[in-house]
């Protein structure tokens, strides 16, 4: 069961070494880490290349200016059957890959719980699931997304159905999760398999409030529904 870990980076020098180290410890020789870097101006690339690990492949000088399509770029370059998403600033807990792969034998997409930490690894919430009231279901997840990318792993069937991303979605993990709800089987495990870091530079929001206006929230949902509708029709 070979694994492709897809990471989108941008100016992630502060935490990228810790994150990549925690991932590499759990990978086999035939696994890979695909890192798409959106033209970082700090030491992100230097730190990654210093690992000198043949399992790491870096896609440099990308100009998406979007974490959604930066992730899509990494996903398109993945080669293995099972795909894990990872952010640049979290920490994988020992046993994550083994546990997720065991669940992927009978499910198309698996979402794990996480411990939420701050910049100094102080625990903010013991359970992301409990904090967000995470659960399965197409309509509930259109209303309120539970699919946190860094906690997700899925098979190539779901990847192929998810690509290419619609051009106007604002969250790649939301899209992939809903695709899996419609076309596959989804499993939520209460095992906490990453330390999910929240800090001032975090790109994707994870709290109960949002900086997006009411009309932006409506538009994002219209875009998701439109993408799903067109996917089903085509």
C-alpha atoms as a PDB file:
ATOM      1  CA  UNK A   1       0.000   0.000   0.000  1.00  0.00           C
ATOM      2  CA  UNK A   2       2.134   2.846  -1.302  1.00  0.00           C
ATOM      3  CA  UNK A   3       1.552   6.381  -0.059  1.00  0.00           C
ATOM      4  CA  UNK A   4       1.816   9.829  -1.658  1.00  0.00           C
ATOM      5  CA  UNK A   5       1.859  12.729   0.802  1.00  0.00           C
ATOM      6  CA  UNK A   6       0.908  16.041  -0.837  1.00  0.00           C
ATOM      7  CA  UNK A   7       1.958  19.326   0.760  1.00  0.00           C
ATOM      8  CA  UNK A   8       1.417  22.898  -0.432  1.00  0.00           C
ATOM      9  CA  UNK A   9       4.021  25.304   0.940  1.00  0.00           C
ATOM     10  CA  UNK A  10       4.446  29.047   1.073  1.00  0.00           C
ATOM     11  CA  UNK A  11       6.922  30.758   3.407  1.00  0.00           C
ATOM     12  CA  UNK A  12       6.767  27.851   5.838  1.00  0.00           C
ATOM     13  CA  UNK A  13      10.327  27.941   7.172  1.00  0.00           C
ATOM     14  CA  UNK A  14       9.286  28.120  10.843  1.00  0.00           C
ATOM     15  CA  UNK A  15       7.618  24.713  11.037  1.00  0.00           C
ATOM     16  CA  UNK A  16       8.356  22.798   7.825  1.00  0.00           C
ATOM     17  CA  UNK A  17      11.340  20.869   9.209  1.00  0.00           C
ATOM     18  CA  UNK A  18       9.329  19.545  12.153  1.00  0.00           C
ATOM     19  CA  UNK A  19       6.442  18.553   9.919  1.00  0.00           C
ATOM     20  CA  UNK A  20       8.469  16.811   7.205  1.00  0.00           C
ATOM     21  CA  UNK A  21      10.513  14.981   9.856  1.00  0.00           C
ATOM     22  CA  UNK A  22       7.344  13.646  11.493  1.00  0.00           C
ATOM     23  CA  UNK A  23       6.106  12.402   8.107  1.00  0.00           C
ATOM     24  CA  UNK A  24       9.322  10.782   6.891  1.00  0.00           C
ATOM     25  CA  UNK A  25       9.544   8.653  10.041  1.00  0.00           C
ATOM     26  CA  UNK A  26       6.315   6.914   8.972  1.00  0.00           C
ATOM     27  CA  UNK A  27       7.021   6.338   5.274  1.00  0.00           C
ATOM     28  CA  UNK A  28       8.433   3.325   3.466  1.00  0.00           C
ATOM     29  CA  UNK A  29      11.046   3.374   0.686  1.00  0.00           C
ATOM     30  CA  UNK A  30       8.442   3.313  -2.098  1.00  0.00           C
ATOM     31  CA  UNK A  31       6.383   6.153  -0.631  1.00  0.00           C
ATOM     32  CA  UNK A  32       6.734   9.801  -1.670  1.00  0.00           C
ATOM     33  CA  UNK A  33       6.248  13.370  -0.497  1.00  0.00           C
ATOM     34  CA  UNK A  34       5.186  15.799  -3.217  1.00  0.00           C
ATOM     35  CA  UNK A  35       5.722  19.435  -2.202  1.00  0.00           C
ATOM     36  CA  UNK A  36       4.345  22.203  -4.390  1.00  0.00           C
ATOM     37  CA  UNK A  37       5.882  25.522  -3.355  1.00  0.00           C
ATOM     38  CA  UNK A  38       4.075  28.735  -4.273  1.00  0.00           C
ATOM     39  CA  UNK A  39       7.261  30.846  -4.766  1.00  0.00           C
ATOM     40  CA  UNK A  40       8.326  31.068  -1.130  1.00  0.00           C
ATOM     41  CA  UNK A  41      10.645  33.977  -0.344  1.00  0.00           C
ATOM     42  CA  UNK A  42      12.035  32.534   2.879  1.00  0.00           C
ATOM     43  CA  UNK A  43      14.161  29.410   3.564  1.00  0.00           C
ATOM     44  CA  UNK A  44      11.380  26.875   2.957  1.00  0.00           C
ATOM     45  CA  UNK A  45      13.013  25.248  -0.087  1.00  0.00           C
ATOM     46  CA  UNK A  46      16.477  25.281   1.482  1.00  0.00           C
ATOM     47  CA  UNK A  47      15.172  23.479   4.577  1.00  0.00           C
ATOM     48  CA  UNK A  48      13.314  20.864   2.535  1.00  0.00           C
ATOM     49  CA  UNK A  49      16.244  20.157   0.233  1.00  0.00           C
ATOM     50  CA  UNK A  50      18.561  19.738   3.223  1.00  0.00           C
ATOM     51  CA  UNK A  51      16.796  16.462   4.029  1.00  0.00           C
ATOM     52  CA  UNK A  52      18.404  14.987   0.899  1.00  0.00           C
ATOM     53  CA  UNK A  53      15.762  12.275   0.904  1.00  0.00           C
ATOM     54  CA  UNK A  54      14.926  10.572  -2.384  1.00  0.00           C
ATOM     55  CA  UNK A  55      11.286  10.247  -1.314  1.00  0.00           C
ATOM     56  CA  UNK A  56      10.826  14.029  -1.417  1.00  0.00           C
ATOM     57  CA  UNK A  57      10.036  15.774  -4.702  1.00  0.00           C
ATOM     58  CA  UNK A  58       9.734  19.569  -4.746  1.00  0.00           C
ATOM     59  CA  UNK A  59       7.821  21.477  -7.413  1.00  0.00           C
ATOM     60  CA  UNK A  60       9.497  24.881  -7.254  1.00  0.00           C
ATOM     61  CA  UNK A  61       8.597  28.341  -8.527  1.00  0.00           C
ATOM     62  CA  UNK A  62       4.849  27.843  -8.685  1.00  0.00           C
ATOM     63  CA  UNK A  63       2.792  31.028  -9.036  1.00  0.00           C
ATOM     64  CA  UNK A  64      -0.728  30.057  -8.056  1.00  0.00           C
ATOM     65  CA  UNK A  65      -1.120  32.517  -5.180  1.00  0.00           C
ATOM     66  CA  UNK A  66      -3.733  30.062  -3.960  1.00  0.00           C
ATOM     67  CA  UNK A  67      -3.426  27.180  -1.519  1.00  0.00           C
ATOM     68  CA  UNK A  68      -6.289  25.410  -3.348  1.00  0.00           C
ATOM     69  CA  UNK A  69      -4.549  25.187  -6.711  1.00  0.00           C
ATOM     70  CA  UNK A  70      -1.121  24.782  -5.142  1.00  0.00           C
ATOM     71  CA  UNK A  71      -2.495  21.611  -3.518  1.00  0.00           C
ATOM     72  CA  UNK A  72      -4.070  20.582  -6.819  1.00  0.00           C
ATOM     73  CA  UNK A  73      -0.636  20.827  -8.442  1.00  0.00           C
ATOM     74  CA  UNK A  74       0.866  18.476  -5.861  1.00  0.00           C
ATOM     75  CA  UNK A  75      -2.042  16.056  -6.191  1.00  0.00           C
ATOM     76  CA  UNK A  76      -1.694  15.912  -9.970  1.00  0.00           C
ATOM     77  CA  UNK A  77       1.950  14.862  -9.569  1.00  0.00           C
ATOM     78  CA  UNK A  78       1.256  12.074  -7.063  1.00  0.00           C
ATOM     79  CA  UNK A  79       1.915   8.521  -8.230  1.00  0.00           C
ATOM     80  CA  UNK A  80       0.786   6.125  -5.514  1.00  0.00           C
ATOM     81  CA  UNK A  81      -2.565   4.547  -4.715  1.00  0.00           C
ATOM     82  CA  UNK A  82      -3.174   6.228  -1.366  1.00  0.00           C
ATOM     83  CA  UNK A  83      -2.977   9.974  -0.947  1.00  0.00           C
ATOM     84  CA  UNK A  84      -2.481  11.884   2.293  1.00  0.00           C
ATOM     85  CA  UNK A  85      -2.863  15.660   2.519  1.00  0.00           C
ATOM     86  CA  UNK A  86      -0.537  17.549   4.868  1.00  0.00           C
ATOM     87  CA  UNK A  87      -0.129  21.183   5.843  1.00  0.00           C
ATOM     88  CA  UNK A  88       3.297  22.766   6.232  1.00  0.00           C
ATOM     89  CA  UNK A  89       3.023  23.506   9.942  1.00  0.00           C
ATOM     90  CA  UNK A  90       1.450  20.503  11.696  1.00  0.00           C
ATOM     91  CA  UNK A  91       2.984  17.425  13.336  1.00  0.00           C
ATOM     92  CA  UNK A  92       2.051  13.856  12.467  1.00  0.00           C
ATOM     93  CA  UNK A  93       1.566  11.606  15.485  1.00  0.00           C
ATOM     94  CA  UNK A  94       3.287   8.216  15.446  1.00  0.00           C
ATOM     95  CA  UNK A  95       1.097   5.534  13.887  1.00  0.00           C
ATOM     96  CA  UNK A  96      -0.910   7.866  11.636  1.00  0.00           C
ATOM     97  CA  UNK A  97      -0.001   6.175   8.351  1.00  0.00           C
ATOM     98  CA  UNK A  98      -0.498   2.639   9.665  1.00  0.00           C
ATOM     99  CA  UNK A  99      -3.895   3.452  11.146  1.00  0.00           C
ATOM    100  CA  UNK A 100      -5.162   5.356   8.107  1.00  0.00           C
ATOM    101  CA  UNK A 101      -4.021   2.666   5.675  1.00  0.00           C
ATOM    102  CA  UNK A 102      -5.777  -0.034   7.683  1.00  0.00           C
ATOM    103  CA  UNK A 103      -9.031   1.937   7.448  1.00  0.00           C
ATOM    104  CA  UNK A 104      -8.532   2.654   3.739  1.00  0.00           C
ATOM    105  CA  UNK A 105      -8.729  -1.073   3.031  1.00  0.00           C
ATOM    106  CA  UNK A 106     -12.505  -0.803   3.431  1.00  0.00           C
ATOM    107  CA  UNK A 107     -13.152   2.917   2.874  1.00  0.00           C
ATOM    108  CA  UNK A 108     -12.454   5.381   0.070  1.00  0.00           C
ATOM    109  CA  UNK A 109     -11.727   8.351   2.336  1.00  0.00           C
ATOM    110  CA  UNK A 110     -10.746   8.478   5.994  1.00  0.00           C
ATOM    111  CA  UNK A 111     -10.851  11.558   8.213  1.00  0.00           C
ATOM    112  CA  UNK A 112      -9.082  11.460  11.569  1.00  0.00           C
ATOM    113  CA  UNK A 113      -9.498  13.577  14.665  1.00  0.00           C
ATOM    114  CA  UNK A 114      -6.686  15.922  15.718  1.00  0.00           C
ATOM    115  CA  UNK A 115      -5.262  17.656  18.746  1.00  0.00           C
ATOM    116  CA  UNK A 116      -5.286  21.422  18.167  1.00  0.00           C
ATOM    117  CA  UNK A 117      -2.107  23.212  19.283  1.00  0.00           C
ATOM    118  CA  UNK A 118      -0.716  26.742  19.152  1.00  0.00           C
ATOM    119  CA  UNK A 119       2.640  28.080  17.956  1.00  0.00           C
ATOM    120  CA  UNK A 120       4.448  26.663  21.008  1.00  0.00           C
ATOM    121  CA  UNK A 121       2.648  23.286  20.857  1.00  0.00           C
ATOM    122  CA  UNK A 122       0.378  24.176  23.772  1.00  0.00           C
ATOM    123  CA  UNK A 123      -2.889  22.245  23.508  1.00  0.00           C
ATOM    124  CA  UNK A 124      -5.825  24.485  22.622  1.00  0.00           C
ATOM    125  CA  UNK A 125      -8.424  21.747  22.067  1.00  0.00           C
ATOM    126  CA  UNK A 126      -8.045  18.063  22.861  1.00  0.00           C
ATOM    127  CA  UNK A 127     -10.368  17.077  20.009  1.00  0.00           C
ATOM    128  CA  UNK A 128     -10.951  18.921  16.743  1.00  0.00           C
ATOM    129  CA  UNK A 129     -13.992  16.717  16.098  1.00  0.00           C
ATOM    130  CA  UNK A 130     -15.594  17.746  19.397  1.00  0.00           C
ATOM    131  CA  UNK A 131     -14.775  21.410  18.809  1.00  0.00           C
ATOM    132  CA  UNK A 132     -16.236  21.454  15.285  1.00  0.00           C
ATOM    133  CA  UNK A 133     -18.969  18.829  15.831  1.00  0.00           C
ATOM    134  CA  UNK A 134     -17.554  16.942  12.847  1.00  0.00           C
ATOM    135  CA  UNK A 135     -19.773  14.379  11.156  1.00  0.00           C
ATOM    136  CA  UNK A 136     -20.578  12.745   7.825  1.00  0.00           C
ATOM    137  CA  UNK A 137     -23.345  13.741   5.450  1.00  0.00           C
ATOM    138  CA  UNK A 138     -23.556  15.645   2.177  1.00  0.00           C
ATOM    139  CA  UNK A 139     -25.991  18.355   3.203  1.00  0.00           C
ATOM    140  CA  UNK A 140     -24.568  18.948   6.672  1.00  0.00           C
ATOM    141  CA  UNK A 141     -21.102  19.343   5.137  1.00  0.00           C
ATOM    142  CA  UNK A 142     -22.328  21.772   2.497  1.00  0.00           C
ATOM    143  CA  UNK A 143     -23.731  23.805   5.377  1.00  0.00           C
ATOM    144  CA  UNK A 144     -20.714  23.364   7.680  1.00  0.00           C
ATOM    145  CA  UNK A 145     -17.577  21.617   6.440  1.00  0.00           C
ATOM    146  CA  UNK A 146     -16.009  18.864   8.548  1.00  0.00           C
ATOM    147  CA  UNK A 147     -13.387  17.838   6.006  1.00  0.00           C
ATOM    148  CA  UNK A 148     -10.053  19.130   7.265  1.00  0.00           C
ATOM    149  CA  UNK A 149      -7.445  18.333   4.622  1.00  0.00           C
ATOM    150  CA  UNK A 150      -4.524  17.674   6.924  1.00  0.00           C
ATOM    151  CA  UNK A 151      -6.595  14.944   8.611  1.00  0.00           C
ATOM    152  CA  UNK A 152      -7.634  13.267   5.359  1.00  0.00           C
ATOM    153  CA  UNK A 153      -6.397  10.302   3.345  1.00  0.00           C
ATOM    154  CA  UNK A 154      -8.113   8.781   0.331  1.00  0.00           C
ATOM    155  CA  UNK A 155      -7.582   6.417  -2.553  1.00  0.00           C
ATOM    156  CA  UNK A 156      -6.885   7.206  -6.201  1.00  0.00           C
ATOM    157  CA  UNK A 157     -10.508   6.640  -7.118  1.00  0.00           C
ATOM    158  CA  UNK A 158     -11.485   9.702  -5.076  1.00  0.00           C
ATOM    159  CA  UNK A 159      -8.512  11.679  -6.364  1.00  0.00           C
ATOM    160  CA  UNK A 160      -9.422  10.990  -9.986  1.00  0.00           C
ATOM    161  CA  UNK A 161     -13.040  11.978  -9.367  1.00  0.00           C
ATOM    162  CA  UNK A 162     -11.963  15.184  -7.614  1.00  0.00           C
ATOM    163  CA  UNK A 163      -9.641  16.452 -10.355  1.00  0.00           C
ATOM    164  CA  UNK A 164      -9.606  18.940 -11.866  1.00  0.00           C
ATOM    165  CA  UNK A 165     -10.862  21.270  -9.154  1.00  0.00           C
ATOM    166  CA  UNK A 166     -13.605  23.692 -10.193  1.00  0.00           C
ATOM    167  CA  UNK A 167     -12.113  27.133 -10.791  1.00  0.00           C
ATOM    168  CA  UNK A 168     -14.123  29.010  -8.174  1.00  0.00           C
ATOM    169  CA  UNK A 169     -13.999  26.851  -5.045  1.00  0.00           C
ATOM    170  CA  UNK A 170     -12.229  28.259  -1.992  1.00  0.00           C
ATOM    171  CA  UNK A 171     -11.398  25.008  -0.135  1.00  0.00           C
ATOM    172  CA  UNK A 172      -9.887  21.927  -1.767  1.00  0.00           C
ATOM    173  CA  UNK A 173     -10.561  19.631   1.192  1.00  0.00           C
ATOM    174  CA  UNK A 174     -14.236  20.605   1.285  1.00  0.00           C
ATOM    175  CA  UNK A 175     -14.512  19.653  -2.390  1.00  0.00           C
ATOM    176  CA  UNK A 176     -12.704  16.313  -2.003  1.00  0.00           C
ATOM    177  CA  UNK A 177     -14.746  15.397   1.069  1.00  0.00           C
ATOM    178  CA  UNK A 178     -18.038  16.022  -0.710  1.00  0.00           C
ATOM    179  CA  UNK A 179     -16.883  14.062  -3.765  1.00  0.00           C
ATOM    180  CA  UNK A 180     -16.156  11.126  -1.450  1.00  0.00           C
ATOM    181  CA  UNK A 181     -19.580  11.494   0.193  1.00  0.00           C
ATOM    182  CA  UNK A 182     -21.275  11.234  -3.214  1.00  0.00           C
ATOM    183  CA  UNK A 183     -19.129   8.641  -4.980  1.00  0.00           C
ATOM    184  CA  UNK A 184     -17.494   6.591  -2.242  1.00  0.00           C
ATOM    185  CA  UNK A 185     -17.455   5.465   1.360  1.00  0.00           C
ATOM    186  CA  UNK A 186     -16.271   7.779   4.136  1.00  0.00           C
ATOM    187  CA  UNK A 187     -15.092   6.886   7.639  1.00  0.00           C
ATOM    188  CA  UNK A 188     -14.383   9.236  10.551  1.00  0.00           C
ATOM    189  CA  UNK A 189     -11.995   7.831  13.136  1.00  0.00           C
ATOM    190  CA  UNK A 190     -11.825   9.317  16.619  1.00  0.00           C
ATOM    191  CA  UNK A 191      -8.115   8.520  16.768  1.00  0.00           C
ATOM    192  CA  UNK A 192      -6.160  11.770  17.056  1.00  0.00           C
ATOM    193  CA  UNK A 193      -3.422  11.329  14.465  1.00  0.00           C
ATOM    194  CA  UNK A 194      -1.948  14.810  14.058  1.00  0.00           C
ATOM    195  CA  UNK A 195      -1.184  17.885  16.105  1.00  0.00           C
ATOM    196  CA  UNK A 196      -3.010  20.576  14.144  1.00  0.00           C
ATOM    197  CA  UNK A 197      -1.248  23.895  14.611  1.00  0.00           C
ATOM    198  CA  UNK A 198      -3.176  27.178  14.706  1.00  0.00           C
ATOM    199  CA  UNK A 199      -1.269  30.459  14.537  1.00  0.00           C
ATOM    200  CA  UNK A 200      -1.486  33.962  13.098  1.00  0.00           C
ATOM    201  CA  UNK A 201      -0.158  32.915   9.658  1.00  0.00           C
ATOM    202  CA  UNK A 202      -2.545  30.011   9.176  1.00  0.00           C
ATOM    203  CA  UNK A 203      -4.132  30.174   5.715  1.00  0.00           C
ATOM    204  CA  UNK A 204      -7.288  28.146   6.320  1.00  0.00           C
ATOM    205  CA  UNK A 205      -9.628  29.015   9.215  1.00  0.00           C
ATOM    206  CA  UNK A 206     -10.536  26.372  11.789  1.00  0.00           C
ATOM    207  CA  UNK A 207     -12.465  28.186  14.479  1.00  0.00           C
ATOM    208  CA  UNK A 208     -16.169  28.786  14.752  1.00  0.00           C
ATOM    209  CA  UNK A 209     -15.908  32.341  13.475  1.00  0.00           C
ATOM    210  CA  UNK A 210     -14.811  33.496  10.036  1.00  0.00           C
ATOM    211  CA  UNK A 211     -13.523  36.668   8.444  1.00  0.00           C
ATOM    212  CA  UNK A 212     -15.681  35.979   5.391  1.00  0.00           C
ATOM    213  CA  UNK A 213     -18.814  38.045   4.992  1.00  0.00           C
ATOM    214  CA  UNK A 214     -22.276  36.491   4.907  1.00  0.00           C
ATOM    215  CA  UNK A 215     -22.403  36.976   1.137  1.00  0.00           C
ATOM    216  CA  UNK A 216     -18.973  35.361   0.684  1.00  0.00           C
ATOM    217  CA  UNK A 217     -20.120  32.338   2.662  1.00  0.00           C
ATOM    218  CA  UNK A 218     -23.203  32.053   0.475  1.00  0.00           C
ATOM    219  CA  UNK A 219     -21.102  32.415  -2.682  1.00  0.00           C
ATOM    220  CA  UNK A 220     -18.652  29.703  -1.569  1.00  0.00           C
ATOM    221  CA  UNK A 221     -21.548  27.308  -1.058  1.00  0.00           C
ATOM    222  CA  UNK A 222     -23.102  28.189  -4.390  1.00  0.00           C
ATOM    223  CA  UNK A 223     -19.729  27.511  -6.048  1.00  0.00           C
ATOM    224  CA  UNK A 224     -19.446  24.111  -4.333  1.00  0.00           C
ATOM    225  CA  UNK A 225     -23.013  23.133  -5.229  1.00  0.00           C
ATOM    226  CA  UNK A 226     -22.517  24.288  -8.816  1.00  0.00           C
ATOM    227  CA  UNK A 227     -19.296  22.242  -9.081  1.00  0.00           C
ATOM    228  CA  UNK A 228     -21.007  19.130  -7.701  1.00  0.00           C
ATOM    229  CA  UNK A 229     -24.021  19.590  -9.973  1.00  0.00           C
ATOM    230  CA  UNK A 230     -21.822  19.883 -13.065  1.00  0.00           C
ATOM    231  CA  UNK A 231     -19.755  16.889 -11.922  1.00  0.00           C
ATOM    232  CA  UNK A 232     -22.840  14.720 -11.598  1.00  0.00           C
ATOM    233  CA  UNK A 233     -24.226  15.853 -14.952  1.00  0.00           C
ATOM    234  CA  UNK A 234     -20.977  15.248 -16.818  1.00  0.00           C
END
